Amino acid sequence: MANLFSVEYVLIQIFDYPLSLIEVSGTVFYILSVLFISQKNILTWPTGILSGVLYLLIFYQIQLYADAFLQIYFISISLIAWKNWKQEEMNFNTIHVSFSGSRTILFWAFLSLFSSLGFYLFLKDIHIYFPVIFPKEASYPLADSFTTIMSIIGMYLMSKKKTESWMYWAIVDAISTYLYWMKNVKLLSIEFCVFFFFAIYGFRKWILFEKKPISE
């Protein structure tokens, strides 16, 4: 029986690009998740969990190990955020968003840079440390490390309803567009190019939400 969760299981051939079923499925759920979060809709979390599971399988198969690790984090924090958002929605009948203070924003920015460097030093040799689990060398470890750390912090800030989280996603989306194209998962590359503009839209949308009176 064919493995439906393999990147080799082709759903359709578009010109010279074999589009896998798992890539299409992960993309659909991720698009729904982004659309929901831009509207502060709690359905962002269950759809995000589904996309996280599918992307975990994709990234492991194409040796983007940092991105694979990242999906485990996404799934975990999505479960927590889903519960917290549900509780706030029940208590206040809405979800409130806000910016962090300037010192907090700088703290997260510096943490992103230093953590990315540290993770890169580990990731570039992960095939040496754990050859059984990771038999092949990591691809693009510096870019992969940077987008992973930025995504971790961006996801945390988003779960806390911080408006600046969208800027993290804009940076991640821009780098990921190039990274996935080079790894020949072109649908993901196009998807993240589109999500770059979604991130700008979400940022502006949350600024408007923040300016609205709480009674709305």
C-alpha atoms as a PDB file:
ATOM      1  CA  MET A   1       0.000   0.000   0.000  1.00  0.00           C
ATOM      2  CA  ALA A   2       1.304   3.448  -0.898  1.00  0.00           C
ATOM      3  CA  ASN A   3       2.428   5.668   1.964  1.00  0.00           C
ATOM      4  CA  LEU A   4       0.035   8.620   1.816  1.00  0.00           C
ATOM      5  CA  PHE A   5       2.263  10.565   4.218  1.00  0.00           C
ATOM      6  CA  SER A   6       5.370  10.301   2.048  1.00  0.00           C
ATOM      7  CA  VAL A   7       6.627  13.258   0.021  1.00  0.00           C
ATOM      8  CA  GLU A   8       7.067  10.697  -2.762  1.00  0.00           C
ATOM      9  CA  TYR A   9       3.300  10.076  -2.938  1.00  0.00           C
ATOM     10  CA  VAL A  10       2.425  12.400  -5.818  1.00  0.00           C
ATOM     11  CA  LEU A  11      -1.082  13.817  -5.999  1.00  0.00           C
ATOM     12  CA  ILE A  12      -0.601  15.727  -9.234  1.00  0.00           C
ATOM     13  CA  GLN A  13       2.221  16.684 -11.571  1.00  0.00           C
ATOM     14  CA  ILE A  14       2.346  20.433 -12.275  1.00  0.00           C
ATOM     15  CA  PHE A  15       4.716  20.946 -15.203  1.00  0.00           C
ATOM     16  CA  ASP A  16       7.952  19.346 -13.936  1.00  0.00           C
ATOM     17  CA  TYR A  17       7.029  19.546 -10.240  1.00  0.00           C
ATOM     18  CA  PRO A  18       5.533  16.468  -8.514  1.00  0.00           C
ATOM     19  CA  LEU A  19       3.085  17.797  -5.923  1.00  0.00           C
ATOM     20  CA  SER A  20       2.642  15.409  -2.997  1.00  0.00           C
ATOM     21  CA  LEU A  21      -0.611  14.773  -1.154  1.00  0.00           C
ATOM     22  CA  ILE A  22       0.946  15.583   2.205  1.00  0.00           C
ATOM     23  CA  GLU A  23       2.269  18.917   0.908  1.00  0.00           C
ATOM     24  CA  VAL A  24      -1.175  19.913  -0.357  1.00  0.00           C
ATOM     25  CA  SER A  25      -2.891  18.831   2.868  1.00  0.00           C
ATOM     26  CA  GLY A  26      -0.411  20.630   5.113  1.00  0.00           C
ATOM     27  CA  THR A  27      -0.716  23.765   2.997  1.00  0.00           C
ATOM     28  CA  VAL A  28      -4.519  23.815   3.164  1.00  0.00           C
ATOM     29  CA  PHE A  29      -4.591  23.509   6.950  1.00  0.00           C
ATOM     30  CA  TYR A  30      -1.840  26.107   7.361  1.00  0.00           C
ATOM     31  CA  ILE A  31      -3.662  28.605   5.144  1.00  0.00           C
ATOM     32  CA  LEU A  32      -6.809  28.137   7.220  1.00  0.00           C
ATOM     33  CA  SER A  33      -4.807  28.622  10.408  1.00  0.00           C
ATOM     34  CA  VAL A  34      -3.279  31.901   9.189  1.00  0.00           C
ATOM     35  CA  LEU A  35      -6.630  33.232   7.990  1.00  0.00           C
ATOM     36  CA  PHE A  36      -8.220  32.393  11.336  1.00  0.00           C
ATOM     37  CA  ILE A  37      -5.448  33.993  13.420  1.00  0.00           C
ATOM     38  CA  SER A  38      -5.577  37.243  11.418  1.00  0.00           C
ATOM     39  CA  GLN A  39      -9.223  37.498  12.495  1.00  0.00           C
ATOM     40  CA  LYS A  40      -8.497  36.460  16.115  1.00  0.00           C
ATOM     41  CA  ASN A  41     -10.540  33.307  15.497  1.00  0.00           C
ATOM     42  CA  ILE A  42      -9.898  30.454  17.943  1.00  0.00           C
ATOM     43  CA  LEU A  43     -10.125  27.881  15.124  1.00  0.00           C
ATOM     44  CA  THR A  44      -6.558  28.878  14.253  1.00  0.00           C
ATOM     45  CA  TRP A  45      -5.283  26.442  16.889  1.00  0.00           C
ATOM     46  CA  PRO A  46      -6.903  23.132  15.808  1.00  0.00           C
ATOM     47  CA  THR A  47      -6.156  23.801  12.143  1.00  0.00           C
ATOM     48  CA  GLY A  48      -2.611  24.766  13.102  1.00  0.00           C
ATOM     49  CA  ILE A  49      -2.175  21.494  14.997  1.00  0.00           C
ATOM     50  CA  LEU A  50      -3.199  19.491  11.935  1.00  0.00           C
ATOM     51  CA  SER A  51      -0.793  21.394   9.694  1.00  0.00           C
ATOM     52  CA  GLY A  52       1.954  20.964  12.302  1.00  0.00           C
ATOM     53  CA  VAL A  53       1.640  17.180  12.250  1.00  0.00           C
ATOM     54  CA  LEU A  54       1.804  17.074   8.449  1.00  0.00           C
ATOM     55  CA  TYR A  55       4.723  19.513   8.226  1.00  0.00           C
ATOM     56  CA  LEU A  56       6.628  17.515  10.839  1.00  0.00           C
ATOM     57  CA  LEU A  57       6.511  14.523   8.507  1.00  0.00           C
ATOM     58  CA  ILE A  58       7.482  16.614   5.474  1.00  0.00           C
ATOM     59  CA  PHE A  59      10.470  18.354   7.049  1.00  0.00           C
ATOM     60  CA  TYR A  60      11.900  15.168   8.505  1.00  0.00           C
ATOM     61  CA  GLN A  61      11.812  13.538   5.080  1.00  0.00           C
ATOM     62  CA  ILE A  62      13.653  16.438   3.390  1.00  0.00           C
ATOM     63  CA  GLN A  63      16.256  16.822   6.174  1.00  0.00           C
ATOM     64  CA  LEU A  64      15.083  20.212   7.468  1.00  0.00           C
ATOM     65  CA  TYR A  65      15.461  18.897  10.999  1.00  0.00           C
ATOM     66  CA  ALA A  66      15.135  22.234  12.782  1.00  0.00           C
ATOM     67  CA  ASP A  67      11.800  22.789  11.077  1.00  0.00           C
ATOM     68  CA  ALA A  68      10.765  19.282  12.104  1.00  0.00           C
ATOM     69  CA  PHE A  69      11.624  20.029  15.753  1.00  0.00           C
ATOM     70  CA  LEU A  70       9.716  23.269  15.413  1.00  0.00           C
ATOM     71  CA  GLN A  71       6.474  21.509  14.566  1.00  0.00           C
ATOM     72  CA  ILE A  72       6.598  19.610  17.874  1.00  0.00           C
ATOM     73  CA  TYR A  73       6.822  22.961  19.647  1.00  0.00           C
ATOM     74  CA  PHE A  74       4.017  24.402  17.503  1.00  0.00           C
ATOM     75  CA  ILE A  75       1.726  21.506  18.296  1.00  0.00           C
ATOM     76  CA  SER A  76       2.432  21.763  22.035  1.00  0.00           C
ATOM     77  CA  ILE A  77       1.964  25.513  22.339  1.00  0.00           C
ATOM     78  CA  SER A  78      -1.110  25.390  20.087  1.00  0.00           C
ATOM     79  CA  LEU A  79      -2.778  22.996  22.513  1.00  0.00           C
ATOM     80  CA  ILE A  80      -2.008  25.353  25.417  1.00  0.00           C
ATOM     81  CA  ALA A  81      -3.049  28.485  23.508  1.00  0.00           C
ATOM     82  CA  TRP A  82      -6.268  26.822  22.353  1.00  0.00           C
ATOM     83  CA  LYS A  83      -7.215  26.201  25.981  1.00  0.00           C
ATOM     84  CA  ASN A  84      -6.211  29.713  27.120  1.00  0.00           C
ATOM     85  CA  TRP A  85      -7.974  31.496  24.268  1.00  0.00           C
ATOM     86  CA  LYS A  86     -11.098  29.446  24.868  1.00  0.00           C
ATOM     87  CA  GLN A  87     -11.091  30.455  28.517  1.00  0.00           C
ATOM     88  CA  GLU A  88     -10.665  34.157  27.696  1.00  0.00           C
ATOM     89  CA  GLU A  89     -13.395  33.976  25.070  1.00  0.00           C
ATOM     90  CA  MET A  90     -15.745  32.456  27.645  1.00  0.00           C
ATOM     91  CA  ASN A  91     -14.865  35.082  30.271  1.00  0.00           C
ATOM     92  CA  PHE A  92     -14.804  38.230  28.124  1.00  0.00           C
ATOM     93  CA  ASN A  93     -16.559  37.211  24.885  1.00  0.00           C
ATOM     94  CA  THR A  94     -13.556  38.483  22.887  1.00  0.00           C
ATOM     95  CA  ILE A  95      -9.780  38.177  22.506  1.00  0.00           C
ATOM     96  CA  HIS A  96      -7.671  41.260  23.430  1.00  0.00           C
ATOM     97  CA  VAL A  97      -4.369  41.999  21.647  1.00  0.00           C
ATOM     98  CA  SER A  98      -1.569  44.463  22.502  1.00  0.00           C
ATOM     99  CA  PHE A  99       2.076  45.421  21.894  1.00  0.00           C
ATOM    100  CA  SER A 100       4.800  44.513  24.382  1.00  0.00           C
ATOM    101  CA  GLY A 101       6.862  47.298  25.952  1.00  0.00           C
ATOM    102  CA  SER A 102       9.981  48.516  24.111  1.00  0.00           C
ATOM    103  CA  ARG A 103      12.391  46.763  26.502  1.00  0.00           C
ATOM    104  CA  THR A 104      10.556  43.485  26.097  1.00  0.00           C
ATOM    105  CA  ILE A 105      10.630  43.819  22.311  1.00  0.00           C
ATOM    106  CA  LEU A 106      14.413  44.410  22.394  1.00  0.00           C
ATOM    107  CA  PHE A 107      14.914  41.482  24.750  1.00  0.00           C
ATOM    108  CA  TRP A 108      13.188  39.071  22.389  1.00  0.00           C
ATOM    109  CA  ALA A 109      15.078  40.466  19.393  1.00  0.00           C
ATOM    110  CA  PHE A 110      18.505  39.906  21.000  1.00  0.00           C
ATOM    111  CA  LEU A 111      17.443  36.496  22.278  1.00  0.00           C
ATOM    112  CA  SER A 112      16.446  35.543  18.734  1.00  0.00           C
ATOM    113  CA  LEU A 113      19.887  36.383  17.338  1.00  0.00           C
ATOM    114  CA  PHE A 114      21.996  34.684  20.018  1.00  0.00           C
ATOM    115  CA  SER A 115      19.757  31.617  20.226  1.00  0.00           C
ATOM    116  CA  SER A 116      19.840  31.213  16.445  1.00  0.00           C
ATOM    117  CA  LEU A 117      23.648  31.157  16.490  1.00  0.00           C
ATOM    118  CA  GLY A 118      23.729  28.616  19.303  1.00  0.00           C
ATOM    119  CA  PHE A 119      21.200  26.367  17.607  1.00  0.00           C
ATOM    120  CA  TYR A 120      23.114  26.571  14.329  1.00  0.00           C
ATOM    121  CA  LEU A 121      26.301  25.314  15.998  1.00  0.00           C
ATOM    122  CA  PHE A 122      24.348  22.290  17.204  1.00  0.00           C
ATOM    123  CA  LEU A 123      22.306  21.670  14.079  1.00  0.00           C
ATOM    124  CA  LYS A 124      25.175  21.681  11.588  1.00  0.00           C
ATOM    125  CA  ASP A 125      26.647  18.590  13.294  1.00  0.00           C
ATOM    126  CA  ILE A 126      23.428  16.851  14.329  1.00  0.00           C
ATOM    127  CA  HIS A 127      24.105  13.987  11.915  1.00  0.00           C
ATOM    128  CA  ILE A 128      27.336  13.337  13.833  1.00  0.00           C
ATOM    129  CA  TYR A 129      25.710  13.457  17.261  1.00  0.00           C
ATOM    130  CA  PHE A 130      22.666  11.345  16.371  1.00  0.00           C
ATOM    131  CA  PRO A 131      23.461   9.392  13.186  1.00  0.00           C
ATOM    132  CA  VAL A 132      20.737   6.796  13.728  1.00  0.00           C
ATOM    133  CA  ILE A 133      17.936   9.371  13.947  1.00  0.00           C
ATOM    134  CA  PHE A 134      19.462  11.885  11.509  1.00  0.00           C
ATOM    135  CA  PRO A 135      21.467   9.885   8.958  1.00  0.00           C
ATOM    136  CA  LYS A 136      21.901  12.833   6.591  1.00  0.00           C
ATOM    137  CA  GLU A 137      23.516  16.215   7.139  1.00  0.00           C
ATOM    138  CA  ALA A 138      21.107  19.079   7.842  1.00  0.00           C
ATOM    139  CA  SER A 139      20.307  21.304   4.865  1.00  0.00           C
ATOM    140  CA  TYR A 140      20.904  25.055   5.144  1.00  0.00           C
ATOM    141  CA  PRO A 141      21.489  24.837   8.929  1.00  0.00           C
ATOM    142  CA  LEU A 142      22.032  28.588   9.465  1.00  0.00           C
ATOM    143  CA  ALA A 143      18.839  29.706   7.713  1.00  0.00           C
ATOM    144  CA  ASP A 144      16.935  26.779   9.199  1.00  0.00           C
ATOM    145  CA  SER A 145      18.156  27.642  12.711  1.00  0.00           C
ATOM    146  CA  PHE A 146      17.259  31.318  12.353  1.00  0.00           C
ATOM    147  CA  THR A 147      13.740  30.670  11.081  1.00  0.00           C
ATOM    148  CA  THR A 148      13.223  28.049  13.774  1.00  0.00           C
ATOM    149  CA  ILE A 149      14.165  30.344  16.659  1.00  0.00           C
ATOM    150  CA  MET A 150      12.219  33.255  15.176  1.00  0.00           C
ATOM    151  CA  SER A 151       9.194  30.993  14.776  1.00  0.00           C
ATOM    152  CA  ILE A 152       9.436  29.745  18.362  1.00  0.00           C
ATOM    153  CA  ILE A 153       9.467  33.279  19.727  1.00  0.00           C
ATOM    154  CA  GLY A 154       6.858  34.490  17.238  1.00  0.00           C
ATOM    155  CA  MET A 155       4.549  31.623  18.165  1.00  0.00           C
ATOM    156  CA  TYR A 156       4.973  32.318  21.880  1.00  0.00           C
ATOM    157  CA  LEU A 157       4.226  36.023  21.408  1.00  0.00           C
ATOM    158  CA  MET A 158       1.203  35.193  19.268  1.00  0.00           C
ATOM    159  CA  SER A 159      -0.142  32.829  21.918  1.00  0.00           C
ATOM    160  CA  LYS A 160       0.174  35.793  24.316  1.00  0.00           C
ATOM    161  CA  LYS A 161      -1.718  37.959  21.804  1.00  0.00           C
ATOM    162  CA  LYS A 162       1.220  40.325  21.167  1.00  0.00           C
ATOM    163  CA  THR A 163       0.880  42.343  17.975  1.00  0.00           C
ATOM    164  CA  GLU A 164       4.627  42.416  17.204  1.00  0.00           C
ATOM    165  CA  SER A 165       4.509  38.638  16.694  1.00  0.00           C
ATOM    166  CA  TRP A 166       3.414  39.317  13.113  1.00  0.00           C
ATOM    167  CA  MET A 167       6.789  40.944  12.358  1.00  0.00           C
ATOM    168  CA  TYR A 168       8.543  37.759  13.395  1.00  0.00           C
ATOM    169  CA  TRP A 169       6.329  35.835  11.011  1.00  0.00           C
ATOM    170  CA  ALA A 170       7.015  38.265   8.160  1.00  0.00           C
ATOM    171  CA  ILE A 171      10.773  37.672   8.524  1.00  0.00           C
ATOM    172  CA  VAL A 172      10.318  33.903   8.814  1.00  0.00           C
ATOM    173  CA  ASP A 173       8.063  33.822   5.757  1.00  0.00           C
ATOM    174  CA  ALA A 174      10.533  35.800   3.630  1.00  0.00           C
ATOM    175  CA  ILE A 175      13.456  33.485   4.460  1.00  0.00           C
ATOM    176  CA  SER A 176      11.339  30.343   4.193  1.00  0.00           C
ATOM    177  CA  THR A 177      10.213  31.307   0.695  1.00  0.00           C
ATOM    178  CA  TYR A 178      13.814  31.001  -0.495  1.00  0.00           C
ATOM    179  CA  LEU A 179      14.664  27.999   1.689  1.00  0.00           C
ATOM    180  CA  TYR A 180      11.776  25.807   0.559  1.00  0.00           C
ATOM    181  CA  TRP A 181      12.276  26.698  -3.082  1.00  0.00           C
ATOM    182  CA  MET A 182      15.882  25.534  -2.852  1.00  0.00           C
ATOM    183  CA  LYS A 183      14.713  22.290  -1.188  1.00  0.00           C
ATOM    184  CA  ASN A 184      12.269  21.711  -4.076  1.00  0.00           C
ATOM    185  CA  VAL A 185       9.083  21.906  -2.019  1.00  0.00           C
ATOM    186  CA  LYS A 186       7.842  24.660  -4.254  1.00  0.00           C
ATOM    187  CA  LEU A 187       4.240  24.740  -3.107  1.00  0.00           C
ATOM    188  CA  LEU A 188       5.476  25.519   0.403  1.00  0.00           C
ATOM    189  CA  SER A 189       7.740  28.207  -1.036  1.00  0.00           C
ATOM    190  CA  ILE A 190       4.852  29.884  -2.857  1.00  0.00           C
ATOM    191  CA  GLU A 191       2.696  29.473   0.225  1.00  0.00           C
ATOM    192  CA  PHE A 192       5.198  31.254   2.461  1.00  0.00           C
ATOM    193  CA  CYS A 193       5.606  34.024  -0.093  1.00  0.00           C
ATOM    194  CA  VAL A 194       1.854  34.599   0.156  1.00  0.00           C
ATOM    195  CA  PHE A 195       2.027  34.351   3.946  1.00  0.00           C
ATOM    196  CA  PHE A 196       4.576  37.168   4.002  1.00  0.00           C
ATOM    197  CA  PHE A 197       1.812  39.463   2.796  1.00  0.00           C
ATOM    198  CA  PHE A 198      -0.660  37.803   5.178  1.00  0.00           C
ATOM    199  CA  ALA A 199       1.734  38.684   8.009  1.00  0.00           C
ATOM    200  CA  ILE A 200       1.751  42.337   6.989  1.00  0.00           C
ATOM    201  CA  TYR A 201      -2.045  42.226   6.770  1.00  0.00           C
ATOM    202  CA  GLY A 202      -2.323  40.527  10.167  1.00  0.00           C
ATOM    203  CA  PHE A 203      -0.003  43.092  11.732  1.00  0.00           C
ATOM    204  CA  ARG A 204      -2.117  45.979  10.479  1.00  0.00           C
ATOM    205  CA  LYS A 205      -5.335  44.185  11.432  1.00  0.00           C
ATOM    206  CA  TRP A 206      -4.192  43.595  15.015  1.00  0.00           C
ATOM    207  CA  ILE A 207      -3.150  47.241  15.332  1.00  0.00           C
ATOM    208  CA  LEU A 208      -6.725  48.171  14.429  1.00  0.00           C
ATOM    209  CA  PHE A 209      -8.082  45.610  16.918  1.00  0.00           C
ATOM    210  CA  GLU A 210      -5.855  47.109  19.604  1.00  0.00           C
ATOM    211  CA  LYS A 211      -7.214  50.602  18.954  1.00  0.00           C
ATOM    212  CA  LYS A 212     -10.843  49.501  19.220  1.00  0.00           C
ATOM    213  CA  PRO A 213     -12.670  50.060  22.510  1.00  0.00           C
ATOM    214  CA  ILE A 214     -12.891  46.908  24.639  1.00  0.00           C
ATOM    215  CA  SER A 215     -16.692  47.082  24.513  1.00  0.00           C
ATOM    216  CA  GLU A 216     -16.599  46.274  20.771  1.00  0.00           C
END
